């Protein structure tokens, strides 16, 4: 059995959502966007059902690859004024449950 992987192995830092003022900005099929108005930052949280969850290593590789794309490609196209270097973060299960409860009333209806 492979060794367990932690988000820190990929440079991610634990983010305590309840310690920050945040605002729901919207969502698409793959991500939920929330902003941190005091820091003037946007957090893009990938959505997936637990049954769709790829292995942890694959998930963190994909997220790390997305960050590299933003840093290398998008920053060159749009410029540093519009693209800040991204950081990998992760939320605790408690924060994810908190976020789900807080967003329940503002998220768009779910299709069955």
Protein backbone atom coordinates (compact mmCIF):
# COMPACT_ATOMS: atom_id res chain seq x y z
CA UNK A 1 0.00 0.00 0.00
CA UNK A 2 1.40 3.45 -0.90
CA UNK A 3 2.38 5.87 1.83
CA UNK A 4 -0.34 8.36 2.80
CA UNK A 5 -0.01 11.71 1.09
CA UNK A 6 -0.61 14.98 2.83
CA UNK A 7 -1.45 18.28 1.13
CA UNK A 8 1.72 19.74 2.61
CA UNK A 9 3.72 17.34 0.43
CA UNK A 10 2.57 19.49 -2.50
CA UNK A 11 3.18 22.85 -0.81
CA UNK A 12 -0.42 23.37 0.37
CA UNK A 13 -1.12 25.19 3.61
CA UNK A 14 -4.09 24.67 5.91
CA UNK A 15 -6.56 27.55 5.69
CA UNK A 16 -8.96 28.28 8.54
CA UNK A 17 -11.99 29.74 6.79
CA UNK A 18 -13.74 30.81 10.00
CA UNK A 19 -10.86 33.13 10.86
CA UNK A 20 -11.57 35.28 7.78
CA UNK A 21 -14.40 37.43 6.48
CA UNK A 22 -15.50 35.83 3.20
CA UNK A 23 -18.23 36.22 0.58
CA UNK A 24 -19.75 33.74 -1.87
CA UNK A 25 -19.08 34.88 -5.44
CA UNK A 26 -20.55 32.10 -7.54
CA UNK A 27 -19.88 28.71 -9.00
CA UNK A 28 -19.67 26.69 -12.15
CA UNK A 29 -19.74 22.98 -12.81
CA UNK A 30 -16.31 22.37 -11.31
CA UNK A 31 -15.57 25.11 -8.76
CA UNK A 32 -17.05 27.35 -6.08
CA UNK A 33 -15.60 30.86 -5.83
CA UNK A 34 -15.45 32.78 -2.57
CA UNK A 35 -13.65 36.04 -1.98
CA UNK A 36 -11.70 37.34 0.97
CA UNK A 37 -12.56 41.07 0.75
CA UNK A 38 -10.06 42.15 3.42
CA UNK A 39 -7.19 40.46 1.56
CA UNK A 40 -8.57 41.24 -1.92
CA UNK A 41 -8.19 37.58 -2.87
CA UNK A 42 -10.34 34.94 -4.51
CA UNK A 43 -10.45 31.30 -3.47
CA UNK A 44 -11.43 28.73 -6.08
CA UNK A 45 -12.59 25.51 -4.44
CA UNK A 46 -12.90 22.44 -6.67
CA UNK A 47 -16.16 20.50 -6.30
CA UNK A 48 -16.45 16.74 -6.45
CA UNK A 49 -18.51 14.02 -4.89
CA UNK A 50 -16.57 11.63 -2.70
CA UNK A 51 -17.24 8.84 -5.21
CA UNK A 52 -15.63 10.99 -7.94
CA UNK A 53 -12.58 11.75 -5.79
CA UNK A 54 -9.39 10.75 -7.58
CA UNK A 55 -6.57 9.40 -5.45
CA UNK A 56 -4.99 12.02 -3.24
CA UNK A 57 -1.75 12.01 -5.18
CA UNK A 58 -3.57 12.55 -8.49
CA UNK A 59 -5.76 15.29 -7.00
CA UNK A 60 -2.83 17.27 -5.59
CA UNK A 61 -0.80 16.79 -8.79
CA UNK A 62 -3.71 18.19 -10.81
CA UNK A 63 -4.13 21.18 -8.47
CA UNK A 64 -0.39 21.83 -8.51
CA UNK A 65 -0.40 21.66 -12.32
CA UNK A 66 -3.29 24.16 -12.46
CA UNK A 67 -1.32 26.55 -10.26
CA UNK A 68 1.71 26.25 -12.54
CA UNK A 69 -0.48 27.00 -15.57
CA UNK A 70 -1.86 30.12 -13.90
CA UNK A 71 1.59 31.30 -12.81
CA UNK A 72 3.38 30.61 -16.08
CA UNK A 73 0.79 31.02 -18.83
CA UNK A 74 -2.10 33.16 -17.58
CA UNK A 75 0.11 35.66 -15.78
CA UNK A 76 2.09 36.18 -19.01
CA UNK A 77 -1.10 36.67 -21.05
CA UNK A 78 -3.03 38.93 -18.67
CA UNK A 79 -0.15 40.48 -16.77
CA UNK A 80 0.74 40.65 -13.08
CA UNK A 81 -1.81 43.42 -12.51
CA UNK A 82 -4.64 40.93 -13.11
CA UNK A 83 -3.13 37.60 -12.05
CA UNK A 84 -1.60 37.07 -8.62
CA UNK A 85 0.57 34.04 -7.97
CA UNK A 86 -1.77 31.29 -6.74
CA UNK A 87 -1.29 29.35 -3.53
CA UNK A 88 -2.47 25.86 -2.74
CA UNK A 89 -4.61 25.66 0.38
CA UNK A 90 -6.78 23.03 1.96
CA UNK A 91 -9.72 23.14 4.35
CA UNK A 92 -10.46 20.84 7.25
CA UNK A 93 -13.55 18.64 7.11
CA UNK A 94 -15.04 20.91 9.79
CA UNK A 95 -14.55 23.97 7.55
CA UNK A 96 -16.01 22.15 4.55
CA UNK A 97 -19.12 21.26 6.56
CA UNK A 98 -19.33 24.85 7.81
CA UNK A 99 -19.04 26.18 4.25
CA UNK A 100 -21.71 23.77 2.96
CA UNK A 101 -24.12 24.88 5.69
CA UNK A 102 -23.43 28.59 5.15
CA UNK A 103 -23.82 28.36 1.37
CA UNK A 104 -26.94 26.19 1.35
CA UNK A 105 -29.29 29.17 1.06
CA UNK A 106 -27.35 31.08 -1.62
CA UNK A 107 -26.21 28.32 -3.97
CA UNK A 108 -28.18 27.75 -7.17
CA UNK A 109 -30.73 24.92 -7.18
CA UNK A 110 -29.44 21.46 -7.88
CA UNK A 111 -30.70 19.51 -10.83
CA UNK A 112 -31.71 15.92 -10.28
